[in-house]
Amino acid sequence: MIGIEKVQKSFGEHKVLADIDLTLKPGSVTALIGPSGSGKSTLLRCINLLEVPDAGTLRIGGARVEFGRERRLSRTEIASVRQHTGMVFQNFQLFPHLSVIENVMEGLVTVLKWEKQRAREHAAALLAKVGIAQKADAWPSTLSGGQQQRVAIARALAPSPQVLLCDEPTSALDPELSAEVVEVLRQLAREGTTMLMATHDLRLAASVAHDAVFLKDGAIVEAAPSHELFSRPRDARTARFVSTLTEALAVSGGAQGTA
């Protein structure tokens, strides 16, 4: 299992995460929902150590890392965590000077020191998995947003991480391109990929996630199976937030129907 205990993070005087406890079971998909500024993205970045928590504990892949304001993490500790995580960013973050397949290969060759032919074969298999094998030699700038995000997912999967961290994976996409990415994530969920995703996309959260966690002001307000949290939230703050997402989804659906 992957677990975080009492994780805290502040930027200056602003506390972004307050005593976060969360456990992910192997093969589970968990959606982090909440208003902008609630700490969703920061939590993902803390798990991947793109941000280092001020306090708390992270357990992943047999590694256990303790955090503290006066404690600097060693390179070994950071590497021990990152080898078990894959990160998918909101704006794709592909290398523009590398082809699609080279983007997927890059970490395998430069970080894990794979032989190039082995890395190329593995990357080609992942591109086929996300339905974009035909674009292997294309430049990222020639791809649609949905295609770029699928490449980014393939790249994140390349080192076979224990958990895939997705930071608003569909928010930069229009509904049609978003559907492409949702289908890829849904397939990964069916295959048992452990995922933790921050999202405002109710379609994504409801159709892919087994569990949902509502954050507000850096704290977990409510956590439950996703179908329960969306249909029968216990906390009034969760109910208000879910209702705003549902109303926005209805308006979006109506606009698409009119178009």
C-alpha atoms as a PDB file:
ATOM      1  CA  MET A   1       0.000   0.000   0.000  1.00  0.00           C
ATOM      2  CA  ILE A   2       0.923   3.650  -0.414  1.00  0.00           C
ATOM      3  CA  GLY A   3       0.343   5.792   2.628  1.00  0.00           C
ATOM      4  CA  ILE A   4       0.827   9.349   3.789  1.00  0.00           C
ATOM      5  CA  GLU A   5       0.469  10.244   7.443  1.00  0.00           C
ATOM      6  CA  LYS A   6       0.098  13.695   9.029  1.00  0.00           C
ATOM      7  CA  VAL A   7       1.583  15.418   5.983  1.00  0.00           C
ATOM      8  CA  GLN A   8       1.856  19.194   6.281  1.00  0.00           C
ATOM      9  CA  LYS A   9       3.019  21.804   3.800  1.00  0.00           C
ATOM     10  CA  SER A  10       3.168  25.587   4.034  1.00  0.00           C
ATOM     11  CA  PHE A  11       4.395  28.291   1.707  1.00  0.00           C
ATOM     12  CA  GLY A  12       5.477  31.096   3.975  1.00  0.00           C
ATOM     13  CA  GLU A  13       2.658  31.767   6.406  1.00  0.00           C
ATOM     14  CA  HIS A  14       0.082  30.047   4.201  1.00  0.00           C
ATOM     15  CA  LYS A  15      -0.669  26.451   5.241  1.00  0.00           C
ATOM     16  CA  VAL A  16      -1.541  24.478   2.091  1.00  0.00           C
ATOM     17  CA  LEU A  17      -1.801  20.996   3.598  1.00  0.00           C
ATOM     18  CA  ALA A  18      -2.798  20.290   7.195  1.00  0.00           C
ATOM     19  CA  ASP A  19      -2.246  16.814   8.676  1.00  0.00           C
ATOM     20  CA  ILE A  20      -3.247  14.844   5.564  1.00  0.00           C
ATOM     21  CA  ASP A  21      -3.753  11.099   6.092  1.00  0.00           C
ATOM     22  CA  LEU A  22      -4.414   8.992   3.004  1.00  0.00           C
ATOM     23  CA  THR A  23      -3.911   5.344   2.063  1.00  0.00           C
ATOM     24  CA  LEU A  24      -4.030   3.945  -1.474  1.00  0.00           C
ATOM     25  CA  LYS A  25      -4.583   0.240  -1.953  1.00  0.00           C
ATOM     26  CA  PRO A  26      -2.897  -1.495  -4.916  1.00  0.00           C
ATOM     27  CA  GLY A  27      -5.133  -1.306  -7.982  1.00  0.00           C
ATOM     28  CA  SER A  28      -7.297   1.487  -6.577  1.00  0.00           C
ATOM     29  CA  VAL A  29      -8.144   4.738  -8.327  1.00  0.00           C
ATOM     30  CA  THR A  30      -8.740   7.744  -6.082  1.00  0.00           C
ATOM     31  CA  ALA A  31      -9.992  11.151  -7.199  1.00  0.00           C
ATOM     32  CA  LEU A  32      -9.005  14.275  -5.280  1.00  0.00           C
ATOM     33  CA  ILE A  33     -11.692  16.917  -5.680  1.00  0.00           C
ATOM     34  CA  GLY A  34     -12.103  20.345  -4.173  1.00  0.00           C
ATOM     35  CA  PRO A  35     -12.050  24.033  -5.050  1.00  0.00           C
ATOM     36  CA  SER A  36      -9.000  25.719  -6.527  1.00  0.00           C
ATOM     37  CA  GLY A  37      -6.425  26.291  -3.811  1.00  0.00           C
ATOM     38  CA  SER A  38      -7.619  23.375  -1.691  1.00  0.00           C
ATOM     39  CA  GLY A  39      -4.237  21.604  -1.883  1.00  0.00           C
ATOM     40  CA  LYS A  40      -4.930  18.883  -4.466  1.00  0.00           C
ATOM     41  CA  SER A  41      -1.981  19.589  -6.759  1.00  0.00           C
ATOM     42  CA  THR A  42       0.344  20.289  -3.850  1.00  0.00           C
ATOM     43  CA  LEU A  43      -0.517  16.901  -2.357  1.00  0.00           C
ATOM     44  CA  LEU A  44       0.410  15.152  -5.610  1.00  0.00           C
ATOM     45  CA  ARG A  45       3.647  17.119  -5.818  1.00  0.00           C
ATOM     46  CA  CYS A  46       4.481  16.183  -2.237  1.00  0.00           C
ATOM     47  CA  ILE A  47       3.994  12.491  -2.981  1.00  0.00           C
ATOM     48  CA  ASN A  48       6.380  12.800  -5.947  1.00  0.00           C
ATOM     49  CA  LEU A  49       8.712  15.041  -3.894  1.00  0.00           C
ATOM     50  CA  LEU A  50       8.492  17.886  -6.400  1.00  0.00           C
ATOM     51  CA  GLU A  51       7.563  19.680  -3.177  1.00  0.00           C
ATOM     52  CA  VAL A  52       8.987  18.441   0.119  1.00  0.00           C
ATOM     53  CA  PRO A  53       6.482  18.323   3.006  1.00  0.00           C
ATOM     54  CA  ASP A  54       7.275  20.192   6.221  1.00  0.00           C
ATOM     55  CA  ALA A  55       6.162  17.273   8.384  1.00  0.00           C
ATOM     56  CA  GLY A  56       4.667  13.797   8.147  1.00  0.00           C
ATOM     57  CA  THR A  57       5.553  10.423   6.689  1.00  0.00           C
ATOM     58  CA  LEU A  58       5.352   8.881   3.204  1.00  0.00           C
ATOM     59  CA  ARG A  59       5.366   5.120   2.632  1.00  0.00           C
ATOM     60  CA  ILE A  60       5.687   3.779  -0.911  1.00  0.00           C
ATOM     61  CA  GLY A  61       7.265   0.720  -2.512  1.00  0.00           C
ATOM     62  CA  GLY A  62       8.957  -0.377   0.682  1.00  0.00           C
ATOM     63  CA  ALA A  63      10.440   3.087   1.225  1.00  0.00           C
ATOM     64  CA  ARG A  64       9.531   5.134   4.289  1.00  0.00           C
ATOM     65  CA  VAL A  65      10.464   8.807   4.366  1.00  0.00           C
ATOM     66  CA  GLU A  66      10.071  11.065   7.399  1.00  0.00           C
ATOM     67  CA  PHE A  67       9.754  14.804   6.829  1.00  0.00           C
ATOM     68  CA  GLY A  68      10.665  17.768   9.019  1.00  0.00           C
ATOM     69  CA  ARG A  69      11.431  21.455   8.575  1.00  0.00           C
ATOM     70  CA  GLU A  70      15.010  20.996   9.744  1.00  0.00           C
ATOM     71  CA  ARG A  71      15.620  17.804   7.773  1.00  0.00           C
ATOM     72  CA  ARG A  72      17.046  17.718   4.244  1.00  0.00           C
ATOM     73  CA  LEU A  73      16.257  14.671   2.143  1.00  0.00           C
ATOM     74  CA  SER A  74      19.138  12.789   0.596  1.00  0.00           C
ATOM     75  CA  ARG A  75      19.275  12.062  -3.139  1.00  0.00           C
ATOM     76  CA  THR A  76      18.865   8.392  -2.289  1.00  0.00           C
ATOM     77  CA  GLU A  77      15.626   9.050  -0.407  1.00  0.00           C
ATOM     78  CA  ILE A  78      14.239  11.168  -3.242  1.00  0.00           C
ATOM     79  CA  ALA A  79      15.196   8.537  -5.831  1.00  0.00           C
ATOM     80  CA  SER A  80      13.662   5.759  -3.719  1.00  0.00           C
ATOM     81  CA  VAL A  81      10.304   7.542  -3.869  1.00  0.00           C
ATOM     82  CA  ARG A  82      10.387   8.745  -7.468  1.00  0.00           C
ATOM     83  CA  GLN A  83      11.202   5.310  -8.865  1.00  0.00           C
ATOM     84  CA  HIS A  84       7.741   4.245  -7.685  1.00  0.00           C
ATOM     85  CA  THR A  85       5.758   7.234  -9.021  1.00  0.00           C
ATOM     86  CA  GLY A  86       4.767   8.488 -12.462  1.00  0.00           C
ATOM     87  CA  MET A  87       3.452  12.038 -12.927  1.00  0.00           C
ATOM     88  CA  VAL A  88       1.001  13.310 -15.555  1.00  0.00           C
ATOM     89  CA  PHE A  89       0.799  17.106 -15.663  1.00  0.00           C
ATOM     90  CA  GLN A  90      -2.064  19.376 -16.662  1.00  0.00           C
ATOM     91  CA  ASN A  91      -0.142  20.929 -19.566  1.00  0.00           C
ATOM     92  CA  PHE A  92       1.575  17.754 -20.814  1.00  0.00           C
ATOM     93  CA  GLN A  93       5.183  18.952 -20.250  1.00  0.00           C
ATOM     94  CA  LEU A  94       6.563  17.115 -23.295  1.00  0.00           C
ATOM     95  CA  PHE A  95      10.044  17.936 -24.576  1.00  0.00           C
ATOM     96  CA  PRO A  96       9.460  19.887 -27.814  1.00  0.00           C
ATOM     97  CA  HIS A  97      12.864  18.968 -29.274  1.00  0.00           C
ATOM     98  CA  LEU A  98      12.240  15.214 -28.941  1.00  0.00           C
ATOM     99  CA  SER A  99       9.936  13.044 -31.041  1.00  0.00           C
ATOM    100  CA  VAL A 100       6.974  11.319 -29.411  1.00  0.00           C
ATOM    101  CA  ILE A 101       8.805   8.030 -28.907  1.00  0.00           C
ATOM    102  CA  GLU A 102      11.945   9.812 -27.706  1.00  0.00           C
ATOM    103  CA  ASN A 103       9.857  11.599 -25.055  1.00  0.00           C
ATOM    104  CA  VAL A 104       8.709   8.219 -23.724  1.00  0.00           C
ATOM    105  CA  MET A 105      12.224   6.757 -23.920  1.00  0.00           C
ATOM    106  CA  GLU A 106      14.059   9.673 -22.317  1.00  0.00           C
ATOM    107  CA  GLY A 107      13.745   8.727 -18.652  1.00  0.00           C
ATOM    108  CA  LEU A 108      14.461   5.069 -19.334  1.00  0.00           C
ATOM    109  CA  VAL A 109      17.728   5.883 -21.085  1.00  0.00           C
ATOM    110  CA  THR A 110      19.018   8.832 -19.053  1.00  0.00           C
ATOM    111  CA  VAL A 111      17.788   7.890 -15.566  1.00  0.00           C
ATOM    112  CA  LEU A 112      17.388   4.110 -15.558  1.00  0.00           C
ATOM    113  CA  LYS A 113      20.263   3.580 -18.028  1.00  0.00           C
ATOM    114  CA  TRP A 114      18.348   1.230 -20.313  1.00  0.00           C
ATOM    115  CA  GLU A 115      19.922   0.270 -23.636  1.00  0.00           C
ATOM    116  CA  LYS A 116      18.288   2.362 -26.376  1.00  0.00           C
ATOM    117  CA  GLN A 117      16.782  -0.512 -28.355  1.00  0.00           C
ATOM    118  CA  ARG A 118      15.161  -1.972 -25.243  1.00  0.00           C
ATOM    119  CA  ALA A 119      13.810   1.467 -24.328  1.00  0.00           C
ATOM    120  CA  ARG A 120      12.479   2.027 -27.867  1.00  0.00           C
ATOM    121  CA  GLU A 121      10.635  -1.309 -27.890  1.00  0.00           C
ATOM    122  CA  HIS A 122       9.106  -0.624 -24.479  1.00  0.00           C
ATOM    123  CA  ALA A 123       8.111   2.906 -25.504  1.00  0.00           C
ATOM    124  CA  ALA A 124       6.509   1.641 -28.731  1.00  0.00           C
ATOM    125  CA  ALA A 125       4.426  -0.850 -26.727  1.00  0.00           C
ATOM    126  CA  LEU A 126       3.218   1.909 -24.399  1.00  0.00           C
ATOM    127  CA  LEU A 127       2.300   4.198 -27.296  1.00  0.00           C
ATOM    128  CA  ALA A 128       0.234   1.346 -28.725  1.00  0.00           C
ATOM    129  CA  LYS A 129      -1.369   0.889 -25.314  1.00  0.00           C
ATOM    130  CA  VAL A 130      -2.579   4.499 -25.258  1.00  0.00           C
ATOM    131  CA  GLY A 131      -3.687   4.348 -28.897  1.00  0.00           C
ATOM    132  CA  ILE A 132      -1.103   6.596 -30.501  1.00  0.00           C
ATOM    133  CA  ALA A 133       1.495   4.236 -31.979  1.00  0.00           C
ATOM    134  CA  GLN A 134       1.104   5.836 -35.408  1.00  0.00           C
ATOM    135  CA  LYS A 135       2.519   9.118 -34.068  1.00  0.00           C
ATOM    136  CA  ALA A 136       5.767   7.639 -32.693  1.00  0.00           C
ATOM    137  CA  ASP A 137       8.043   9.713 -34.932  1.00  0.00           C
ATOM    138  CA  ALA A 138       5.959  12.907 -34.871  1.00  0.00           C
ATOM    139  CA  TRP A 139       6.927  16.105 -33.031  1.00  0.00           C
ATOM    140  CA  PRO A 140       4.771  17.060 -30.028  1.00  0.00           C
ATOM    141  CA  SER A 141       3.820  20.376 -31.671  1.00  0.00           C
ATOM    142  CA  THR A 142       1.997  18.512 -34.459  1.00  0.00           C
ATOM    143  CA  LEU A 143      -0.299  16.653 -32.040  1.00  0.00           C
ATOM    144  CA  SER A 144      -3.675  17.633 -30.628  1.00  0.00           C
ATOM    145  CA  GLY A 145      -3.934  18.260 -26.897  1.00  0.00           C
ATOM    146  CA  GLY A 146      -5.550  14.871 -26.347  1.00  0.00           C
ATOM    147  CA  GLN A 147      -2.762  13.140 -28.256  1.00  0.00           C
ATOM    148  CA  GLN A 148      -0.103  15.014 -26.289  1.00  0.00           C
ATOM    149  CA  GLN A 149      -1.698  13.980 -23.004  1.00  0.00           C
ATOM    150  CA  ARG A 150      -1.762  10.355 -24.121  1.00  0.00           C
ATOM    151  CA  VAL A 151       1.963  10.594 -24.874  1.00  0.00           C
ATOM    152  CA  ALA A 152       2.465  12.096 -21.411  1.00  0.00           C
ATOM    153  CA  ILE A 153       0.600   9.146 -19.871  1.00  0.00           C
ATOM    154  CA  ALA A 154       2.781   6.689 -21.813  1.00  0.00           C
ATOM    155  CA  ARG A 155       5.897   8.517 -20.584  1.00  0.00           C
ATOM    156  CA  ALA A 156       4.686   8.382 -16.968  1.00  0.00           C
ATOM    157  CA  LEU A 157       4.017   4.645 -17.308  1.00  0.00           C
ATOM    158  CA  ALA A 158       7.414   3.896 -18.856  1.00  0.00           C
ATOM    159  CA  PRO A 159       9.297   3.016 -15.641  1.00  0.00           C
ATOM    160  CA  SER A 160       6.368   0.845 -14.410  1.00  0.00           C
ATOM    161  CA  PRO A 161       5.559   3.044 -11.394  1.00  0.00           C
ATOM    162  CA  GLN A 162       3.634   1.785  -8.403  1.00  0.00           C
ATOM    163  CA  VAL A 163       1.255   4.743  -8.621  1.00  0.00           C
ATOM    164  CA  LEU A 164       0.286   7.112 -11.439  1.00  0.00           C
ATOM    165  CA  LEU A 165      -0.248  10.683 -10.203  1.00  0.00           C
ATOM    166  CA  CYS A 166      -2.476  12.753 -12.504  1.00  0.00           C
ATOM    167  CA  ASP A 167      -2.758  16.508 -11.979  1.00  0.00           C
ATOM    168  CA  GLU A 168      -5.915  17.756 -13.731  1.00  0.00           C
ATOM    169  CA  PRO A 169      -5.240  15.491 -16.746  1.00  0.00           C
ATOM    170  CA  THR A 170      -8.231  16.750 -18.773  1.00  0.00           C
ATOM    171  CA  SER A 171      -8.574  20.400 -17.724  1.00  0.00           C
ATOM    172  CA  ALA A 172      -6.579  21.792 -20.683  1.00  0.00           C
ATOM    173  CA  LEU A 173      -8.703  19.867 -23.195  1.00  0.00           C
ATOM    174  CA  ASP A 174     -12.047  20.462 -24.870  1.00  0.00           C
ATOM    175  CA  PRO A 175     -14.777  17.835 -24.216  1.00  0.00           C
ATOM    176  CA  GLU A 176     -14.013  15.737 -27.310  1.00  0.00           C
ATOM    177  CA  LEU A 177     -10.272  15.518 -26.629  1.00  0.00           C
ATOM    178  CA  SER A 178     -10.960  15.040 -22.929  1.00  0.00           C
ATOM    179  CA  ALA A 179     -13.000  11.935 -23.775  1.00  0.00           C
ATOM    180  CA  GLU A 180      -9.926  10.387 -25.446  1.00  0.00           C
ATOM    181  CA  VAL A 181      -7.888  10.779 -22.273  1.00  0.00           C
ATOM    182  CA  VAL A 182     -10.714   9.589 -20.005  1.00  0.00           C
ATOM    183  CA  GLU A 183     -10.981   6.384 -22.040  1.00  0.00           C
ATOM    184  CA  VAL A 184      -7.232   5.731 -21.692  1.00  0.00           C
ATOM    185  CA  LEU A 185      -7.409   6.256 -17.916  1.00  0.00           C
ATOM    186  CA  ARG A 186     -10.503   4.069 -17.711  1.00  0.00           C
ATOM    187  CA  GLN A 187      -8.630   1.267 -19.504  1.00  0.00           C
ATOM    188  CA  LEU A 188      -5.668   1.623 -17.134  1.00  0.00           C
ATOM    189  CA  ALA A 189      -8.079   1.386 -14.200  1.00  0.00           C
ATOM    190  CA  ARG A 190      -9.557  -1.806 -15.633  1.00  0.00           C
ATOM    191  CA  GLU A 191      -6.027  -3.221 -15.865  1.00  0.00           C
ATOM    192  CA  GLY A 192      -5.391  -2.510 -12.178  1.00  0.00           C
ATOM    193  CA  THR A 193      -3.165   0.575 -12.388  1.00  0.00           C
ATOM    194  CA  THR A 194      -3.069   2.394  -9.065  1.00  0.00           C
ATOM    195  CA  MET A 195      -3.912   6.051  -9.661  1.00  0.00           C
ATOM    196  CA  LEU A 196      -4.363   9.217  -7.646  1.00  0.00           C
ATOM    197  CA  MET A 197      -5.803  12.087  -9.659  1.00  0.00           C
ATOM    198  CA  ALA A 198      -6.616  15.688  -8.858  1.00  0.00           C
ATOM    199  CA  THR A 199      -9.543  16.754 -11.017  1.00  0.00           C
ATOM    200  CA  HIS A 200     -12.479  19.113 -11.483  1.00  0.00           C
ATOM    201  CA  ASP A 201     -13.845  16.774 -14.167  1.00  0.00           C
ATOM    202  CA  LEU A 202     -16.867  15.039 -12.673  1.00  0.00           C
ATOM    203  CA  ARG A 203     -17.135  12.682 -15.650  1.00  0.00           C
ATOM    204  CA  LEU A 204     -13.563  11.534 -15.068  1.00  0.00           C
ATOM    205  CA  ALA A 205     -13.949  11.183 -11.315  1.00  0.00           C
ATOM    206  CA  ALA A 206     -17.283   9.360 -11.505  1.00  0.00           C
ATOM    207  CA  SER A 207     -16.399   6.997 -14.350  1.00  0.00           C
ATOM    208  CA  VAL A 208     -12.826   6.072 -13.410  1.00  0.00           C
ATOM    209  CA  ALA A 209     -12.323   6.517  -9.653  1.00  0.00           C
ATOM    210  CA  HIS A 210     -13.253   3.890  -7.080  1.00  0.00           C
ATOM    211  CA  ASP A 211     -12.859   6.379  -4.234  1.00  0.00           C
ATOM    212  CA  ALA A 212     -13.124  10.148  -3.921  1.00  0.00           C
ATOM    213  CA  VAL A 213     -11.587  12.548  -1.426  1.00  0.00           C
ATOM    214  CA  PHE A 214     -12.893  16.087  -0.961  1.00  0.00           C
ATOM    215  CA  LEU A 215     -10.314  18.632   0.179  1.00  0.00           C
ATOM    216  CA  LYS A 216     -10.952  22.182   1.328  1.00  0.00           C
ATOM    217  CA  ASP A 217      -8.462  24.645   2.811  1.00  0.00           C
ATOM    218  CA  GLY A 218      -5.737  22.011   2.870  1.00  0.00           C
ATOM    219  CA  ALA A 219      -7.687  19.422   4.874  1.00  0.00           C
ATOM    220  CA  ILE A 220      -9.641  16.296   4.006  1.00  0.00           C
ATOM    221  CA  VAL A 221     -13.307  17.013   4.647  1.00  0.00           C
ATOM    222  CA  GLU A 222     -14.743  13.717   3.425  1.00  0.00           C
ATOM    223  CA  ALA A 223     -13.516  10.470   1.850  1.00  0.00           C
ATOM    224  CA  ALA A 224     -15.786   7.711   0.552  1.00  0.00           C
ATOM    225  CA  PRO A 225     -16.413   5.394  -2.397  1.00  0.00           C
ATOM    226  CA  SER A 226     -16.922   7.751  -5.334  1.00  0.00           C
ATOM    227  CA  HIS A 227     -20.530   6.722  -6.049  1.00  0.00           C
ATOM    228  CA  GLU A 228     -21.433   7.450  -2.413  1.00  0.00           C
ATOM    229  CA  LEU A 229     -19.603  10.759  -2.192  1.00  0.00           C
ATOM    230  CA  PHE A 230     -21.187  12.055  -5.401  1.00  0.00           C
ATOM    231  CA  SER A 231     -24.715  10.798  -4.714  1.00  0.00           C
ATOM    232  CA  ARG A 232     -24.944  10.947  -0.900  1.00  0.00           C
ATOM    233  CA  PRO A 233     -22.258  13.244   0.551  1.00  0.00           C
ATOM    234  CA  ARG A 234     -22.343  13.397   4.330  1.00  0.00           C
ATOM    235  CA  ASP A 235     -20.765  16.809   4.810  1.00  0.00           C
ATOM    236  CA  ALA A 236     -22.621  19.959   3.762  1.00  0.00           C
ATOM    237  CA  ARG A 237     -19.427  21.451   2.286  1.00  0.00           C
ATOM    238  CA  THR A 238     -18.981  18.388   0.078  1.00  0.00           C
ATOM    239  CA  ALA A 239     -22.626  18.527  -0.995  1.00  0.00           C
ATOM    240  CA  ARG A 240     -22.327  22.181  -2.026  1.00  0.00           C
ATOM    241  CA  PHE A 241     -19.175  21.537  -4.048  1.00  0.00           C
ATOM    242  CA  VAL A 242     -20.554  18.439  -5.783  1.00  0.00           C
ATOM    243  CA  SER A 243     -23.737  20.324  -6.669  1.00  0.00           C
ATOM    244  CA  THR A 244     -21.698  23.071  -8.371  1.00  0.00           C
ATOM    245  CA  LEU A 245     -19.824  20.455 -10.410  1.00  0.00           C
ATOM    246  CA  THR A 246     -23.093  18.763 -11.350  1.00  0.00           C
ATOM    247  CA  GLU A 247     -24.657  22.058 -12.429  1.00  0.00           C
ATOM    248  CA  ALA A 248     -21.589  22.935 -14.506  1.00  0.00           C
ATOM    249  CA  LEU A 249     -21.709  19.501 -16.132  1.00  0.00           C
ATOM    250  CA  ALA A 250     -25.396  19.956 -16.992  1.00  0.00           C
ATOM    251  CA  VAL A 251     -24.730  23.365 -18.558  1.00  0.00           C
ATOM    252  CA  SER A 252     -21.792  21.970 -20.515  1.00  0.00           C
ATOM    253  CA  GLY A 253     -23.879  19.056 -21.758  1.00  0.00           C
ATOM    254  CA  GLY A 254     -26.674  21.390 -22.784  1.00  0.00           C
ATOM    255  CA  ALA A 255     -24.298  23.657 -24.670  1.00  0.00           C
ATOM    256  CA  GLN A 256     -22.850  20.699 -26.537  1.00  0.00           C
ATOM    257  CA  GLY A 257     -26.332  19.497 -27.418  1.00  0.00           C
ATOM    258  CA  THR A 258     -27.264  22.932 -28.746  1.00  0.00           C
ATOM    259  CA  ALA A 259     -24.102  23.059 -30.832  1.00  0.00           C
END
